[in-house]
């Protein structure tokens, strides 16, 4: 008997190896923008008494860079290191999602059709980020997206319409 899309089965997923490179590359533009801003600010002062360098914008830019560095480092630490991960959707006997046997809840932050960025909030550990590309798991892709978008069955029945249909729709 063929398996349907509604039957839960474990997904064997390969994280997208390009994601860690993209995270590292995102650290390059902010220092370049700060350096460009400093050069531009210094260029305005040529031929005149150089004004005092505005400290507040510089401190704001440096603190934003430090925050970005912290977040990128944390996300890189939470990425699975190029190995295949098992993501198991909920079943009747296990109502939770499981990532490599640990219960958690996936949250889809980016769904670009052929690319997903998931954050799995594990119950006992820090969350894990999972970047997935369709080219790495073409056979599982549609079923995975359906399982991630599926909502649990409603516990209460839908309310019936209190007003009857208009005569034209009878």
C-alpha atoms as a PDB file:
ATOM      1  CA  UNK A   1       0.000   0.000   0.000  1.00  0.00           C
ATOM      2  CA  UNK A   2       1.387   3.426  -0.922  1.00  0.00           C
ATOM      3  CA  UNK A   3       2.112   5.979   1.762  1.00  0.00           C
ATOM      4  CA  UNK A   4       0.069   9.188   1.587  1.00  0.00           C
ATOM      5  CA  UNK A   5       1.133  12.726   2.439  1.00  0.00           C
ATOM      6  CA  UNK A   6      -0.926  12.596   5.619  1.00  0.00           C
ATOM      7  CA  UNK A   7       0.963   9.676   7.134  1.00  0.00           C
ATOM      8  CA  UNK A   8       3.787  10.899   9.381  1.00  0.00           C
ATOM      9  CA  UNK A   9       7.205   9.488   8.606  1.00  0.00           C
ATOM     10  CA  UNK A  10      10.660  10.514   9.725  1.00  0.00           C
ATOM     11  CA  UNK A  11      12.404  12.994   7.446  1.00  0.00           C
ATOM     12  CA  UNK A  12      16.098  12.409   6.773  1.00  0.00           C
ATOM     13  CA  UNK A  13      17.330  15.931   6.007  1.00  0.00           C
ATOM     14  CA  UNK A  14      20.658  17.373   4.866  1.00  0.00           C
ATOM     15  CA  UNK A  15      21.179  20.966   6.064  1.00  0.00           C
ATOM     16  CA  UNK A  16      22.167  23.456   3.388  1.00  0.00           C
ATOM     17  CA  UNK A  17      25.969  23.864   3.566  1.00  0.00           C
ATOM     18  CA  UNK A  18      25.791  27.366   2.038  1.00  0.00           C
ATOM     19  CA  UNK A  19      24.017  28.817   5.086  1.00  0.00           C
ATOM     20  CA  UNK A  20      27.102  28.991   7.324  1.00  0.00           C
ATOM     21  CA  UNK A  21      29.019  30.806   4.569  1.00  0.00           C
ATOM     22  CA  UNK A  22      26.178  33.281   4.169  1.00  0.00           C
ATOM     23  CA  UNK A  23      26.151  33.940   7.912  1.00  0.00           C
ATOM     24  CA  UNK A  24      29.910  34.572   7.898  1.00  0.00           C
ATOM     25  CA  UNK A  25      29.608  36.846   4.848  1.00  0.00           C
ATOM     26  CA  UNK A  26      26.933  38.909   6.627  1.00  0.00           C
ATOM     27  CA  UNK A  27      29.629  40.101   9.048  1.00  0.00           C
ATOM     28  CA  UNK A  28      31.538  41.915   6.276  1.00  0.00           C
ATOM     29  CA  UNK A  29      29.207  44.834   5.257  1.00  0.00           C
ATOM     30  CA  UNK A  30      28.736  46.511   8.681  1.00  0.00           C
ATOM     31  CA  UNK A  31      32.440  47.251   9.320  1.00  0.00           C
ATOM     32  CA  UNK A  32      32.798  48.439   5.733  1.00  0.00           C
ATOM     33  CA  UNK A  33      29.820  50.773   6.157  1.00  0.00           C
ATOM     34  CA  UNK A  34      31.229  52.169   9.425  1.00  0.00           C
ATOM     35  CA  UNK A  35      34.646  52.684   7.792  1.00  0.00           C
ATOM     36  CA  UNK A  36      33.012  54.391   4.799  1.00  0.00           C
ATOM     37  CA  UNK A  37      30.985  56.623   7.075  1.00  0.00           C
ATOM     38  CA  UNK A  38      34.116  57.596   9.026  1.00  0.00           C
ATOM     39  CA  UNK A  39      36.002  58.408   5.797  1.00  0.00           C
ATOM     40  CA  UNK A  40      33.054  60.425   4.501  1.00  0.00           C
ATOM     41  CA  UNK A  41      32.772  62.305   7.788  1.00  0.00           C
ATOM     42  CA  UNK A  42      36.511  63.028   7.724  1.00  0.00           C
ATOM     43  CA  UNK A  43      36.242  64.213   4.100  1.00  0.00           C
ATOM     44  CA  UNK A  44      33.653  66.819   5.074  1.00  0.00           C
ATOM     45  CA  UNK A  45      36.146  68.362   7.480  1.00  0.00           C
ATOM     46  CA  UNK A  46      38.947  68.865   4.913  1.00  0.00           C
ATOM     47  CA  UNK A  47      40.058  72.513   4.794  1.00  0.00           C
ATOM     48  CA  UNK A  48      38.259  73.465   7.954  1.00  0.00           C
ATOM     49  CA  UNK A  49      38.688  72.764  11.585  1.00  0.00           C
ATOM     50  CA  UNK A  50      37.715  69.111  11.899  1.00  0.00           C
ATOM     51  CA  UNK A  51      34.528  68.779  13.877  1.00  0.00           C
ATOM     52  CA  UNK A  52      34.409  66.448  16.791  1.00  0.00           C
ATOM     53  CA  UNK A  53      33.570  62.942  15.674  1.00  0.00           C
ATOM     54  CA  UNK A  54      29.989  62.198  16.694  1.00  0.00           C
ATOM     55  CA  UNK A  55      30.460  59.600  19.390  1.00  0.00           C
ATOM     56  CA  UNK A  56      26.857  58.456  19.697  1.00  0.00           C
ATOM     57  CA  UNK A  57      26.448  57.211  16.082  1.00  0.00           C
ATOM     58  CA  UNK A  58      29.831  55.509  16.241  1.00  0.00           C
ATOM     59  CA  UNK A  59      28.996  53.771  19.532  1.00  0.00           C
ATOM     60  CA  UNK A  60      25.601  52.757  18.148  1.00  0.00           C
ATOM     61  CA  UNK A  61      27.191  51.248  15.035  1.00  0.00           C
ATOM     62  CA  UNK A  62      29.836  49.411  17.051  1.00  0.00           C
ATOM     63  CA  UNK A  63      27.271  48.029  19.508  1.00  0.00           C
ATOM     64  CA  UNK A  64      25.083  46.862  16.598  1.00  0.00           C
ATOM     65  CA  UNK A  65      28.124  45.151  15.083  1.00  0.00           C
ATOM     66  CA  UNK A  66      28.900  43.466  18.414  1.00  0.00           C
ATOM     67  CA  UNK A  67      25.293  42.287  18.664  1.00  0.00           C
ATOM     68  CA  UNK A  68      25.386  40.914  15.138  1.00  0.00           C
ATOM     69  CA  UNK A  69      28.669  39.153  15.848  1.00  0.00           C
ATOM     70  CA  UNK A  70      27.154  37.546  18.947  1.00  0.00           C
ATOM     71  CA  UNK A  71      24.013  36.397  17.098  1.00  0.00           C
ATOM     72  CA  UNK A  72      25.903  35.023  14.078  1.00  0.00           C
ATOM     73  CA  UNK A  73      28.314  33.148  16.355  1.00  0.00           C
ATOM     74  CA  UNK A  74      25.401  31.708  18.310  1.00  0.00           C
ATOM     75  CA  UNK A  75      23.550  30.651  15.132  1.00  0.00           C
ATOM     76  CA  UNK A  76      26.700  29.003  13.765  1.00  0.00           C
ATOM     77  CA  UNK A  77      27.087  27.108  17.034  1.00  0.00           C
ATOM     78  CA  UNK A  78      23.480  25.896  16.853  1.00  0.00           C
ATOM     79  CA  UNK A  79      23.764  24.612  13.272  1.00  0.00           C
ATOM     80  CA  UNK A  80      24.139  20.881  12.744  1.00  0.00           C
ATOM     81  CA  UNK A  81      27.633  20.294  11.390  1.00  0.00           C
ATOM     82  CA  UNK A  82      26.949  18.975   7.868  1.00  0.00           C
ATOM     83  CA  UNK A  83      25.369  15.745   8.997  1.00  0.00           C
ATOM     84  CA  UNK A  84      22.001  14.246   8.202  1.00  0.00           C
ATOM     85  CA  UNK A  85      19.379  15.045  10.831  1.00  0.00           C
ATOM     86  CA  UNK A  86      16.153  13.211  11.578  1.00  0.00           C
ATOM     87  CA  UNK A  87      13.009  15.299  11.932  1.00  0.00           C
ATOM     88  CA  UNK A  88       9.956  13.317  12.976  1.00  0.00           C
ATOM     89  CA  UNK A  89       6.493  14.898  12.791  1.00  0.00           C
ATOM     90  CA  UNK A  90       3.879  14.274  15.477  1.00  0.00           C
ATOM     91  CA  UNK A  91       2.011  10.970  15.544  1.00  0.00           C
ATOM     92  CA  UNK A  92      -0.898   9.669  17.594  1.00  0.00           C
ATOM     93  CA  UNK A  93       1.478   8.079  20.093  1.00  0.00           C
ATOM     94  CA  UNK A  94       3.984  11.005  20.156  1.00  0.00           C
ATOM     95  CA  UNK A  95       2.202  14.370  19.846  1.00  0.00           C
ATOM     96  CA  UNK A  96       5.481  16.349  19.557  1.00  0.00           C
ATOM     97  CA  UNK A  97       7.985  16.911  16.790  1.00  0.00           C
ATOM     98  CA  UNK A  98      11.370  15.254  17.386  1.00  0.00           C
ATOM     99  CA  UNK A  99      14.785  16.355  16.110  1.00  0.00           C
ATOM    100  CA  UNK A 100      17.263  13.470  16.417  1.00  0.00           C
ATOM    101  CA  UNK A 101      15.064  11.934  19.111  1.00  0.00           C
ATOM    102  CA  UNK A 102      14.679  15.129  21.217  1.00  0.00           C
ATOM    103  CA  UNK A 103      11.209  16.698  21.505  1.00  0.00           C
ATOM    104  CA  UNK A 104      10.732  20.194  20.191  1.00  0.00           C
ATOM    105  CA  UNK A 105       8.664  22.472  18.027  1.00  0.00           C
ATOM    106  CA  UNK A 106       9.733  23.704  14.563  1.00  0.00           C
ATOM    107  CA  UNK A 107       9.118  27.335  13.684  1.00  0.00           C
ATOM    108  CA  UNK A 108       9.476  28.286  10.030  1.00  0.00           C
ATOM    109  CA  UNK A 109      11.177  31.709   9.863  1.00  0.00           C
ATOM    110  CA  UNK A 110      11.693  31.782   6.075  1.00  0.00           C
ATOM    111  CA  UNK A 111       9.805  29.763   3.471  1.00  0.00           C
ATOM    112  CA  UNK A 112      11.121  30.754   0.056  1.00  0.00           C
ATOM    113  CA  UNK A 113       9.589  27.828  -1.839  1.00  0.00           C
ATOM    114  CA  UNK A 114      12.844  26.034  -2.605  1.00  0.00           C
ATOM    115  CA  UNK A 115      14.549  27.029   0.647  1.00  0.00           C
ATOM    116  CA  UNK A 116      13.503  26.903   4.320  1.00  0.00           C
ATOM    117  CA  UNK A 117      14.972  28.339   7.499  1.00  0.00           C
ATOM    118  CA  UNK A 118      13.639  26.512  10.534  1.00  0.00           C
ATOM    119  CA  UNK A 119      14.282  27.103  14.193  1.00  0.00           C
ATOM    120  CA  UNK A 120      13.614  24.002  16.255  1.00  0.00           C
ATOM    121  CA  UNK A 121      12.796  24.969  19.844  1.00  0.00           C
ATOM    122  CA  UNK A 122      13.942  21.939  21.806  1.00  0.00           C
ATOM    123  CA  UNK A 123      12.490  21.359  25.249  1.00  0.00           C
ATOM    124  CA  UNK A 124      15.711  20.407  27.012  1.00  0.00           C
ATOM    125  CA  UNK A 125      18.356  22.304  25.019  1.00  0.00           C
ATOM    126  CA  UNK A 126      18.953  25.560  23.232  1.00  0.00           C
ATOM    127  CA  UNK A 127      17.123  25.946  19.926  1.00  0.00           C
ATOM    128  CA  UNK A 128      18.680  24.650  16.713  1.00  0.00           C
ATOM    129  CA  UNK A 129      18.624  26.419  13.370  1.00  0.00           C
ATOM    130  CA  UNK A 130      18.097  24.294  10.302  1.00  0.00           C
ATOM    131  CA  UNK A 131      18.569  25.710   6.789  1.00  0.00           C
ATOM    132  CA  UNK A 132      17.195  23.375   4.129  1.00  0.00           C
ATOM    133  CA  UNK A 133      17.303  23.524   0.336  1.00  0.00           C
ATOM    134  CA  UNK A 134      15.096  21.603  -2.055  1.00  0.00           C
ATOM    135  CA  UNK A 135      18.105  20.454  -4.094  1.00  0.00           C
ATOM    136  CA  UNK A 136      19.439  18.527  -1.061  1.00  0.00           C
ATOM    137  CA  UNK A 137      16.219  16.511  -0.499  1.00  0.00           C
ATOM    138  CA  UNK A 138      14.055  16.649  -3.648  1.00  0.00           C
ATOM    139  CA  UNK A 139      12.020  13.534  -2.829  1.00  0.00           C
ATOM    140  CA  UNK A 140      11.042  14.725   0.665  1.00  0.00           C
ATOM    141  CA  UNK A 141      10.493  18.415  -0.069  1.00  0.00           C
ATOM    142  CA  UNK A 142       6.757  18.577  -0.749  1.00  0.00           C
ATOM    143  CA  UNK A 143       5.892  16.236   2.097  1.00  0.00           C
ATOM    144  CA  UNK A 144       8.131  18.207   4.491  1.00  0.00           C
ATOM    145  CA  UNK A 145       6.519  21.536   3.627  1.00  0.00           C
ATOM    146  CA  UNK A 146       3.048  20.008   3.984  1.00  0.00           C
ATOM    147  CA  UNK A 147       3.927  18.586   7.391  1.00  0.00           C
ATOM    148  CA  UNK A 148       5.355  21.908   8.591  1.00  0.00           C
ATOM    149  CA  UNK A 149       2.290  23.854   7.465  1.00  0.00           C
ATOM    150  CA  UNK A 150      -0.247  21.340   8.809  1.00  0.00           C
ATOM    151  CA  UNK A 151      -2.142  22.394  11.886  1.00  0.00           C
ATOM    152  CA  UNK A 152      -3.433  20.016  14.547  1.00  0.00           C
ATOM    153  CA  UNK A 153      -7.050  18.979  14.144  1.00  0.00           C
ATOM    154  CA  UNK A 154      -9.518  21.341  15.749  1.00  0.00           C
ATOM    155  CA  UNK A 155     -10.856  20.100  19.066  1.00  0.00           C
ATOM    156  CA  UNK A 156     -14.181  21.921  18.827  1.00  0.00           C
ATOM    157  CA  UNK A 157     -16.560  21.656  15.877  1.00  0.00           C
ATOM    158  CA  UNK A 158     -16.977  24.713  13.702  1.00  0.00           C
ATOM    159  CA  UNK A 159     -20.033  26.778  14.632  1.00  0.00           C
ATOM    160  CA  UNK A 160     -22.953  26.528  12.264  1.00  0.00           C
ATOM    161  CA  UNK A 161     -24.269  29.616  10.558  1.00  0.00           C
ATOM    162  CA  UNK A 162     -27.052  31.206  12.655  1.00  0.00           C
ATOM    163  CA  UNK A 163     -28.722  32.758   9.614  1.00  0.00           C
ATOM    164  CA  UNK A 164     -30.237  30.761   6.780  1.00  0.00           C
ATOM    165  CA  UNK A 165     -28.963  31.178   3.240  1.00  0.00           C
ATOM    166  CA  UNK A 166     -30.533  33.967   1.190  1.00  0.00           C
ATOM    167  CA  UNK A 167     -33.215  32.863  -1.276  1.00  0.00           C
ATOM    168  CA  UNK A 168     -30.896  33.290  -4.278  1.00  0.00           C
ATOM    169  CA  UNK A 169     -28.427  30.699  -2.905  1.00  0.00           C
ATOM    170  CA  UNK A 170     -30.963  27.997  -1.985  1.00  0.00           C
END
